[in-house]
C-alpha atoms as a PDB file:
ATOM      1  CA  MET A   1      14.647  97.925  92.185  1.00  0.00           C
ATOM      2  CA  CYS A   2      11.758  96.367  90.438  1.00  0.00           C
ATOM      3  CA  GLU A   3      10.931  94.134  93.413  1.00  0.00           C
ATOM      4  CA  ALA A   4      10.639  97.018  95.829  1.00  0.00           C
ATOM      5  CA  GLU A   5       8.371  99.056  93.416  1.00  0.00           C
ATOM      6  CA  TYR A   6       6.316  95.899  92.721  1.00  0.00           C
ATOM      7  CA  MET A   7       5.904  95.224  96.498  1.00  0.00           C
ATOM      8  CA  ALA A   8       4.738  98.914  97.058  1.00  0.00           C
ATOM      9  CA  LEU A   9       2.299  98.584  94.100  1.00  0.00           C
ATOM     10  CA  ALA A  10       0.941  95.347  95.589  1.00  0.00           C
ATOM     11  CA  MET A  11       0.468  96.913  99.172  1.00  0.00           C
ATOM     12  CA  THR A  12      -0.989 100.309  97.462  1.00  0.00           C
ATOM     13  CA  THR A  13      -3.530  98.080  95.614  1.00  0.00           C
ATOM     14  CA  LYS A  14      -4.622  96.281  98.712  1.00  0.00           C
ATOM     15  CA  HIS A  15      -5.197  99.455 100.676  1.00  0.00           C
ATOM     16  CA  HIS A  16      -6.914 101.043  97.531  1.00  0.00           C
ATOM     17  CA  VAL A  17      -9.380  97.999  97.328  1.00  0.00           C
ATOM     18  CA  TRP A  18     -10.092  98.352 101.065  1.00  0.00           C
ATOM     19  CA  LEU A  19     -10.616 102.010 101.070  1.00  0.00           C
ATOM     20  CA  LYS A  20     -12.945 101.736  97.854  1.00  0.00           C
ATOM     21  CA  ARG A  21     -15.037  98.978  99.496  1.00  0.00           C
ATOM     22  CA  GLY A  22     -15.460 101.011 102.653  1.00  0.00           C
ATOM     23  CA  THR A  23     -16.497 104.088 100.759  1.00  0.00           C
ATOM     24  CA  GLN A  24     -18.938 102.218  98.761  1.00  0.00           C
ATOM     25  CA  GLU A  25     -20.452 100.708 101.931  1.00  0.00           C
ATOM     26  CA  LEU A  26     -20.646 104.153 103.592  1.00  0.00           C
ATOM     27  CA  LEU A  27     -21.920 106.132 100.536  1.00  0.00           C
ATOM     28  CA  LYS A  28     -24.042 103.417  98.949  1.00  0.00           C
ATOM     29  CA  LYS A  29     -22.521 104.493  95.488  1.00  0.00           C
ATOM     30  CA  ASP A  30     -19.515 103.528  93.310  1.00  0.00           C
ATOM     31  CA  ILE A  31     -16.897 106.232  92.982  1.00  0.00           C
ATOM     32  CA  PRO A  32     -14.505 105.656  90.002  1.00  0.00           C
ATOM     33  CA  THR A  33     -10.838 105.656  91.150  1.00  0.00           C
ATOM     34  CA  ALA A  34      -7.744 105.229  89.515  1.00  0.00           C
ATOM     35  CA  LEU A  35      -4.211 103.796  90.669  1.00  0.00           C
ATOM     36  CA  TYR A  36      -1.043 105.038  88.970  1.00  0.00           C
ATOM     37  CA  CYS A  37       2.470 103.668  88.790  1.00  0.00           C
ATOM     38  CA  ASP A  38       5.424 105.140  87.098  1.00  0.00           C
ATOM     39  CA  SER A  39       7.584 102.021  87.140  1.00  0.00           C
ATOM     40  CA  ASN A  40       7.363 100.292  83.674  1.00  0.00           C
ATOM     41  CA  ALA A  41       9.030  97.124  85.267  1.00  0.00           C
ATOM     42  CA  ALA A  42       6.572  96.736  87.887  1.00  0.00           C
ATOM     43  CA  ILE A  43       3.668  97.357  85.697  1.00  0.00           C
ATOM     44  CA  HIS A  44       5.005  94.665  83.313  1.00  0.00           C
ATOM     45  CA  VAL A  45       5.209  92.079  86.245  1.00  0.00           C
ATOM     46  CA  ALA A  46       1.676  93.118  87.482  1.00  0.00           C
ATOM     47  CA  TYR A  47       0.359  92.457  84.059  1.00  0.00           C
ATOM     48  CA  ASN A  48       2.335  89.270  83.507  1.00  0.00           C
ATOM     49  CA  PRO A  49       2.941  87.714  86.829  1.00  0.00           C
ATOM     50  CA  LYS A  50       4.443  84.337  85.365  1.00  0.00           C
ATOM     51  CA  LEU A  51       7.857  83.393  86.746  1.00  0.00           C
ATOM     52  CA  ASN A  52      10.909  84.097  84.723  1.00  0.00           C
ATOM     53  CA  ASP A  53      14.546  84.733  85.400  1.00  0.00           C
ATOM     54  CA  ARG A  54      14.069  88.170  86.539  1.00  0.00           C
ATOM     55  CA  SER A  55      10.946  87.845  88.644  1.00  0.00           C
ATOM     56  CA  LYS A  56      11.340  84.423  90.227  1.00  0.00           C
ATOM     57  CA  HIS A  57      12.798  85.918  93.495  1.00  0.00           C
ATOM     58  CA  ILE A  58       9.719  87.943  94.206  1.00  0.00           C
ATOM     59  CA  ASN A  59       7.617  86.273  96.924  1.00  0.00           C
ATOM     60  CA  ILE A  60       4.190  84.882  95.967  1.00  0.00           C
ATOM     61  CA  ALA A  61       2.516  86.893  98.605  1.00  0.00           C
ATOM     62  CA  TYR A  62       2.799  90.006  96.417  1.00  0.00           C
ATOM     63  CA  HIS A  63       1.014  88.705  93.445  1.00  0.00           C
ATOM     64  CA  PHE A  64      -2.346  90.284  94.209  1.00  0.00           C
ATOM     65  CA  SER A  65      -5.266  89.020  92.284  1.00  0.00           C
END
């Protein structure tokens, strides 16, 4: 379950960054935005991406920096 939520969080973050940069380019100003996640496990993996027994199966492509 954590892997699917983490993958969704990574994809959402990529889209969020893309939209934020596009909005900044069009409007010429920074608009504060927030990204929320209700999965504690996905948040923990996002803040601490080092490999351990539970997260070693998550593909490296989803570790977004």
